[in-house]
Amino acid sequence: MSRPGELSGRLRERIAILRRDEARDALGGADGGWHPMGDAWAAIEPAGTGAPVAGEAIRARPRWRMTVRAGAGLMPGDRIRWRGAVLRVRQATADPRLPDRILAEAEEEP
């Protein structure tokens, strides 16, 4: 049985964290690819869908709420590979009341 504030028992999903390289081409555009930053254990649960309309285009991508250990280094803009899906991290927050974890929201990439 896990305690309410326990973290390790909730982290059941293995994820891969990818970060975009900061390289630029001759015109200053982004030229870098996605590089693995490492793997981590996460707790992932559905968070509904994103805005149904964005720029007059209808879309509703699934969103996910996740918790990872603080040392994972998850940041907004990172990509997550999980169960064959690619997720884009929209928000990553460190809660000062729970310094051992990062709470994040991600959206599935098409």
N, C-alpha and C. Protein backbone atom coordinates (compact mmCIF):
# COMPACT_ATOMS: atom_id res chain seq x y z
N MET A 1 0.85 -1.19 0.00
CA MET A 1 0.00 0.00 0.00
C MET A 1 0.88 1.24 0.00
N SER A 2 0.55 2.20 -0.85
CA SER A 2 1.38 3.40 -0.94
C SER A 2 0.81 4.52 -0.09
N ARG A 3 1.70 5.35 0.41
CA ARG A 3 1.30 6.53 1.18
C ARG A 3 0.84 7.61 0.22
N PRO A 4 -0.02 8.54 0.67
CA PRO A 4 -0.56 9.58 -0.23
C PRO A 4 0.51 10.40 -0.94
N GLY A 5 1.60 10.76 -0.29
CA GLY A 5 2.63 11.60 -0.90
C GLY A 5 3.73 10.82 -1.58
N GLU A 6 3.63 9.49 -1.58
CA GLU A 6 4.68 8.65 -2.14
C GLU A 6 4.76 8.84 -3.65
N LEU A 7 5.97 8.87 -4.17
CA LEU A 7 6.17 9.10 -5.59
C LEU A 7 6.54 7.82 -6.33
N SER A 8 7.47 7.04 -5.80
CA SER A 8 8.02 5.91 -6.53
C SER A 8 6.98 4.88 -6.94
N GLY A 9 5.97 4.63 -6.13
CA GLY A 9 4.95 3.65 -6.48
C GLY A 9 4.05 4.09 -7.61
N ARG A 10 4.00 5.37 -7.89
CA ARG A 10 3.15 5.91 -8.97
C ARG A 10 3.86 5.94 -10.32
N LEU A 11 5.18 5.92 -10.33
CA LEU A 11 5.95 6.05 -11.57
C LEU A 11 6.04 4.69 -12.26
N ARG A 12 5.09 4.40 -13.14
CA ARG A 12 5.01 3.07 -13.75
C ARG A 12 5.26 3.06 -15.25
N GLU A 13 5.35 4.21 -15.86
CA GLU A 13 5.52 4.31 -17.31
C GLU A 13 6.94 4.76 -17.64
N ARG A 14 7.58 4.07 -18.59
CA ARG A 14 8.94 4.44 -19.01
C ARG A 14 8.82 5.40 -20.19
N ILE A 15 9.47 6.55 -20.11
CA ILE A 15 9.45 7.54 -21.18
C ILE A 15 10.86 7.87 -21.61
N ALA A 16 10.99 8.34 -22.84
CA ALA A 16 12.27 8.85 -23.35
C ALA A 16 12.10 10.35 -23.56
N ILE A 17 13.04 11.13 -23.05
CA ILE A 17 12.99 12.59 -23.16
C ILE A 17 13.93 13.02 -24.29
N LEU A 18 13.42 13.82 -25.22
CA LEU A 18 14.19 14.33 -26.35
C LEU A 18 14.20 15.85 -26.31
N ARG A 19 15.32 16.44 -26.66
CA ARG A 19 15.43 17.91 -26.68
C ARG A 19 16.00 18.36 -28.02
N ARG A 20 15.47 19.44 -28.53
CA ARG A 20 15.90 19.97 -29.83
C ARG A 20 17.28 20.61 -29.70
N ASP A 21 18.13 20.32 -30.67
CA ASP A 21 19.46 20.91 -30.72
C ASP A 21 19.33 22.38 -31.11
N GLU A 22 20.16 23.23 -30.54
CA GLU A 22 20.09 24.68 -30.78
C GLU A 22 20.80 25.11 -32.07
N ALA A 23 21.23 24.19 -32.90
CA ALA A 23 21.98 24.53 -34.11
C ALA A 23 21.14 25.40 -35.05
N ARG A 24 21.81 26.30 -35.77
CA ARG A 24 21.16 27.20 -36.72
C ARG A 24 21.80 27.04 -38.10
N ASP A 25 20.98 27.24 -39.15
CA ASP A 25 21.52 27.19 -40.50
C ASP A 25 22.08 28.57 -40.88
N ALA A 26 22.54 28.73 -42.11
CA ALA A 26 23.17 29.97 -42.54
C ALA A 26 22.23 31.18 -42.48
N LEU A 27 20.93 30.95 -42.58
CA LEU A 27 19.96 32.04 -42.53
C LEU A 27 19.41 32.28 -41.14
N GLY A 28 19.88 31.52 -40.16
CA GLY A 28 19.44 31.71 -38.79
C GLY A 28 18.25 30.85 -38.39
N GLY A 29 17.77 30.01 -39.30
CA GLY A 29 16.65 29.13 -38.98
C GLY A 29 17.11 27.92 -38.16
N ALA A 30 16.19 27.29 -37.49
CA ALA A 30 16.51 26.10 -36.69
C ALA A 30 16.97 24.98 -37.62
N ASP A 31 18.10 24.39 -37.31
CA ASP A 31 18.68 23.35 -38.14
C ASP A 31 18.92 22.06 -37.35
N GLY A 32 18.73 22.13 -36.05
CA GLY A 32 19.06 20.98 -35.21
C GLY A 32 17.97 19.93 -35.19
N GLY A 33 18.38 18.72 -34.85
CA GLY A 33 17.43 17.62 -34.72
C GLY A 33 17.12 17.38 -33.25
N TRP A 34 16.37 16.31 -32.98
CA TRP A 34 16.00 15.94 -31.62
C TRP A 34 17.01 14.93 -31.09
N HIS A 35 17.55 15.23 -29.90
CA HIS A 35 18.56 14.37 -29.29
C HIS A 35 18.05 13.80 -27.97
N PRO A 36 18.34 12.53 -27.73
CA PRO A 36 17.88 11.92 -26.46
C PRO A 36 18.59 12.54 -25.26
N MET A 37 17.79 12.89 -24.25
CA MET A 37 18.33 13.42 -23.00
C MET A 37 18.37 12.34 -21.93
N GLY A 38 17.66 11.26 -22.18
CA GLY A 38 17.64 10.15 -21.23
C GLY A 38 16.24 9.59 -21.07
N ASP A 39 16.17 8.52 -20.31
CA ASP A 39 14.90 7.88 -20.00
C ASP A 39 14.52 8.20 -18.57
N ALA A 40 13.24 8.11 -18.28
CA ALA A 40 12.75 8.38 -16.93
C ALA A 40 11.48 7.58 -16.69
N TRP A 41 11.16 7.39 -15.44
CA TRP A 41 9.90 6.79 -15.05
C TRP A 41 8.92 7.92 -14.79
N ALA A 42 7.66 7.71 -15.21
CA ALA A 42 6.65 8.76 -15.07
C ALA A 42 5.30 8.17 -14.68
N ALA A 43 4.49 9.00 -14.07
CA ALA A 43 3.07 8.72 -13.85
C ALA A 43 2.34 9.54 -14.90
N ILE A 44 1.54 8.90 -15.74
CA ILE A 44 0.85 9.59 -16.83
C ILE A 44 -0.63 9.30 -16.75
N GLU A 45 -1.43 10.37 -16.90
CA GLU A 45 -2.88 10.21 -16.91
C GLU A 45 -3.48 11.15 -17.94
N PRO A 46 -4.63 10.81 -18.52
CA PRO A 46 -5.24 11.68 -19.51
C PRO A 46 -5.68 13.01 -18.91
N ALA A 47 -5.59 14.06 -19.72
CA ALA A 47 -6.00 15.40 -19.27
C ALA A 47 -6.97 16.01 -20.27
N GLY A 48 -7.70 15.19 -21.01
CA GLY A 48 -8.66 15.70 -21.97
C GLY A 48 -8.00 16.03 -23.30
N THR A 49 -8.56 17.00 -24.01
CA THR A 49 -8.01 17.41 -25.29
C THR A 49 -7.72 18.90 -25.27
N GLY A 50 -6.92 19.33 -26.24
CA GLY A 50 -6.57 20.74 -26.34
C GLY A 50 -7.73 21.55 -26.90
N ALA A 51 -7.47 22.78 -27.23
CA ALA A 51 -8.50 23.66 -27.79
C ALA A 51 -9.03 23.05 -29.08
N PRO A 52 -10.37 22.99 -29.25
CA PRO A 52 -10.92 22.37 -30.45
C PRO A 52 -10.68 23.19 -31.72
N VAL A 53 -10.45 24.48 -31.57
CA VAL A 53 -10.20 25.33 -32.74
C VAL A 53 -8.97 26.18 -32.46
N ALA A 54 -8.03 26.16 -33.40
CA ALA A 54 -6.84 27.00 -33.29
C ALA A 54 -6.55 27.59 -34.67
N GLY A 55 -6.64 28.89 -34.78
CA GLY A 55 -6.39 29.54 -36.07
C GLY A 55 -7.36 29.08 -37.14
N GLU A 56 -8.62 28.92 -36.79
CA GLU A 56 -9.69 28.48 -37.67
C GLU A 56 -9.52 27.05 -38.18
N ALA A 57 -8.57 26.31 -37.62
CA ALA A 57 -8.40 24.90 -37.98
C ALA A 57 -8.95 24.05 -36.84
N ILE A 58 -9.79 23.09 -37.19
CA ILE A 58 -10.37 22.23 -36.17
C ILE A 58 -9.36 21.16 -35.80
N ARG A 59 -9.12 21.04 -34.52
CA ARG A 59 -8.19 20.03 -34.01
C ARG A 59 -8.52 19.76 -32.56
N ALA A 60 -8.21 18.60 -32.12
CA ALA A 60 -8.42 18.25 -30.72
C ALA A 60 -7.44 17.12 -30.39
N ARG A 61 -6.23 17.50 -30.11
CA ARG A 61 -5.19 16.52 -29.79
C ARG A 61 -5.30 16.10 -28.33
N PRO A 62 -5.11 14.81 -28.06
CA PRO A 62 -5.14 14.36 -26.67
C PRO A 62 -4.02 15.01 -25.86
N ARG A 63 -4.36 15.34 -24.63
CA ARG A 63 -3.38 15.91 -23.69
C ARG A 63 -3.19 14.95 -22.54
N TRP A 64 -2.00 15.02 -21.95
CA TRP A 64 -1.62 14.13 -20.86
C TRP A 64 -1.01 14.93 -19.73
N ARG A 65 -1.30 14.53 -18.51
CA ARG A 65 -0.70 15.10 -17.31
C ARG A 65 0.30 14.08 -16.81
N MET A 66 1.51 14.52 -16.51
CA MET A 66 2.53 13.58 -16.05
C MET A 66 3.32 14.12 -14.88
N THR A 67 3.86 13.16 -14.12
CA THR A 67 4.72 13.48 -12.99
C THR A 67 6.01 12.70 -13.18
N VAL A 68 7.15 13.38 -13.06
CA VAL A 68 8.47 12.73 -13.15
C VAL A 68 9.32 13.23 -11.98
N ARG A 69 10.39 12.52 -11.71
CA ARG A 69 11.33 12.97 -10.67
C ARG A 69 12.00 14.27 -11.11
N ALA A 70 12.33 15.11 -10.15
CA ALA A 70 12.93 16.42 -10.44
C ALA A 70 14.24 16.29 -11.21
N GLY A 71 15.00 15.26 -11.00
CA GLY A 71 16.29 15.08 -11.67
C GLY A 71 16.18 14.73 -13.14
N ALA A 72 14.98 14.47 -13.64
CA ALA A 72 14.80 14.10 -15.05
C ALA A 72 15.10 15.27 -15.98
N GLY A 73 14.97 16.50 -15.49
CA GLY A 73 15.30 17.69 -16.29
C GLY A 73 14.29 18.00 -17.38
N LEU A 74 13.05 17.64 -17.21
CA LEU A 74 12.01 17.88 -18.19
C LEU A 74 11.72 19.38 -18.29
N MET A 75 11.63 19.88 -19.54
CA MET A 75 11.41 21.32 -19.77
C MET A 75 10.34 21.52 -20.84
N PRO A 76 9.66 22.68 -20.83
CA PRO A 76 8.72 22.97 -21.91
C PRO A 76 9.46 22.96 -23.25
N GLY A 77 8.81 22.41 -24.26
CA GLY A 77 9.43 22.30 -25.58
C GLY A 77 10.06 20.95 -25.83
N ASP A 78 10.33 20.18 -24.79
CA ASP A 78 10.89 18.84 -24.96
C ASP A 78 9.84 17.94 -25.61
N ARG A 79 10.32 16.84 -26.17
CA ARG A 79 9.43 15.81 -26.69
C ARG A 79 9.58 14.58 -25.79
N ILE A 80 8.49 13.84 -25.70
CA ILE A 80 8.46 12.60 -24.94
C ILE A 80 8.07 11.49 -25.89
N ARG A 81 8.79 10.39 -25.86
CA ARG A 81 8.37 9.17 -26.56
C ARG A 81 7.80 8.24 -25.51
N TRP A 82 6.55 7.83 -25.75
CA TRP A 82 5.87 6.98 -24.77
C TRP A 82 4.88 6.07 -25.49
N ARG A 83 5.07 4.77 -25.37
CA ARG A 83 4.16 3.77 -25.95
C ARG A 83 3.89 4.01 -27.43
N GLY A 84 4.91 4.39 -28.18
CA GLY A 84 4.77 4.61 -29.61
C GLY A 84 4.24 5.99 -29.98
N ALA A 85 3.86 6.79 -29.00
CA ALA A 85 3.36 8.15 -29.27
C ALA A 85 4.47 9.16 -29.02
N VAL A 86 4.35 10.30 -29.67
CA VAL A 86 5.27 11.42 -29.43
C VAL A 86 4.44 12.54 -28.82
N LEU A 87 4.87 13.01 -27.65
CA LEU A 87 4.18 14.07 -26.94
C LEU A 87 5.07 15.30 -26.87
N ARG A 88 4.47 16.48 -26.98
CA ARG A 88 5.21 17.74 -26.84
C ARG A 88 4.90 18.33 -25.47
N VAL A 89 5.93 18.60 -24.69
CA VAL A 89 5.74 19.16 -23.35
C VAL A 89 5.34 20.62 -23.49
N ARG A 90 4.14 20.95 -23.00
CA ARG A 90 3.63 22.32 -23.08
C ARG A 90 3.97 23.11 -21.82
N GLN A 91 4.04 22.40 -20.69
CA GLN A 91 4.27 23.07 -19.41
C GLN A 91 4.98 22.09 -18.48
N ALA A 92 5.94 22.57 -17.73
CA ALA A 92 6.64 21.77 -16.71
C ALA A 92 6.85 22.67 -15.50
N THR A 93 6.33 22.22 -14.36
CA THR A 93 6.35 23.04 -13.16
C THR A 93 6.94 22.28 -11.99
N ALA A 94 7.83 22.91 -11.26
CA ALA A 94 8.36 22.35 -10.02
C ALA A 94 7.54 22.95 -8.88
N ASP A 95 6.91 22.10 -8.11
CA ASP A 95 6.09 22.53 -6.98
C ASP A 95 6.97 22.66 -5.75
N PRO A 96 7.09 23.84 -5.14
CA PRO A 96 7.96 24.00 -3.96
C PRO A 96 7.51 23.14 -2.78
N ARG A 97 6.23 22.75 -2.74
CA ARG A 97 5.76 21.89 -1.65
C ARG A 97 6.19 20.44 -1.85
N LEU A 98 6.48 20.07 -3.12
CA LEU A 98 6.91 18.71 -3.45
C LEU A 98 8.17 18.80 -4.31
N PRO A 99 9.32 19.11 -3.71
CA PRO A 99 10.53 19.39 -4.48
C PRO A 99 11.13 18.17 -5.19
N ASP A 100 10.62 16.97 -4.92
CA ASP A 100 11.18 15.78 -5.54
C ASP A 100 10.57 15.46 -6.89
N ARG A 101 9.62 16.29 -7.38
CA ARG A 101 8.94 15.96 -8.62
C ARG A 101 8.67 17.17 -9.50
N ILE A 102 8.47 16.89 -10.79
CA ILE A 102 8.06 17.90 -11.75
C ILE A 102 6.70 17.49 -12.29
N LEU A 103 5.77 18.42 -12.32
CA LEU A 103 4.44 18.19 -12.88
C LEU A 103 4.42 18.80 -14.27
N ALA A 104 3.98 18.03 -15.26
CA ALA A 104 4.03 18.51 -16.64
C ALA A 104 2.72 18.21 -17.36
N GLU A 105 2.48 18.99 -18.40
CA GLU A 105 1.36 18.74 -19.32
C GLU A 105 1.95 18.62 -20.70
N ALA A 106 1.46 17.63 -21.45
CA ALA A 106 1.96 17.38 -22.79
C ALA A 106 0.80 17.13 -23.74
N GLU A 107 1.05 17.37 -25.02
CA GLU A 107 0.04 17.20 -26.05
C GLU A 107 0.61 16.27 -27.12
N GLU A 108 -0.22 15.35 -27.63
CA GLU A 108 0.26 14.43 -28.66
C GLU A 108 0.58 15.19 -29.93
N GLU A 109 1.68 14.80 -30.56
CA GLU A 109 2.09 15.37 -31.84
C GLU A 109 1.41 14.57 -32.94
N PRO A 110 1.07 15.20 -34.06
CA PRO A 110 0.43 14.44 -35.16
C PRO A 110 1.39 13.48 -35.83
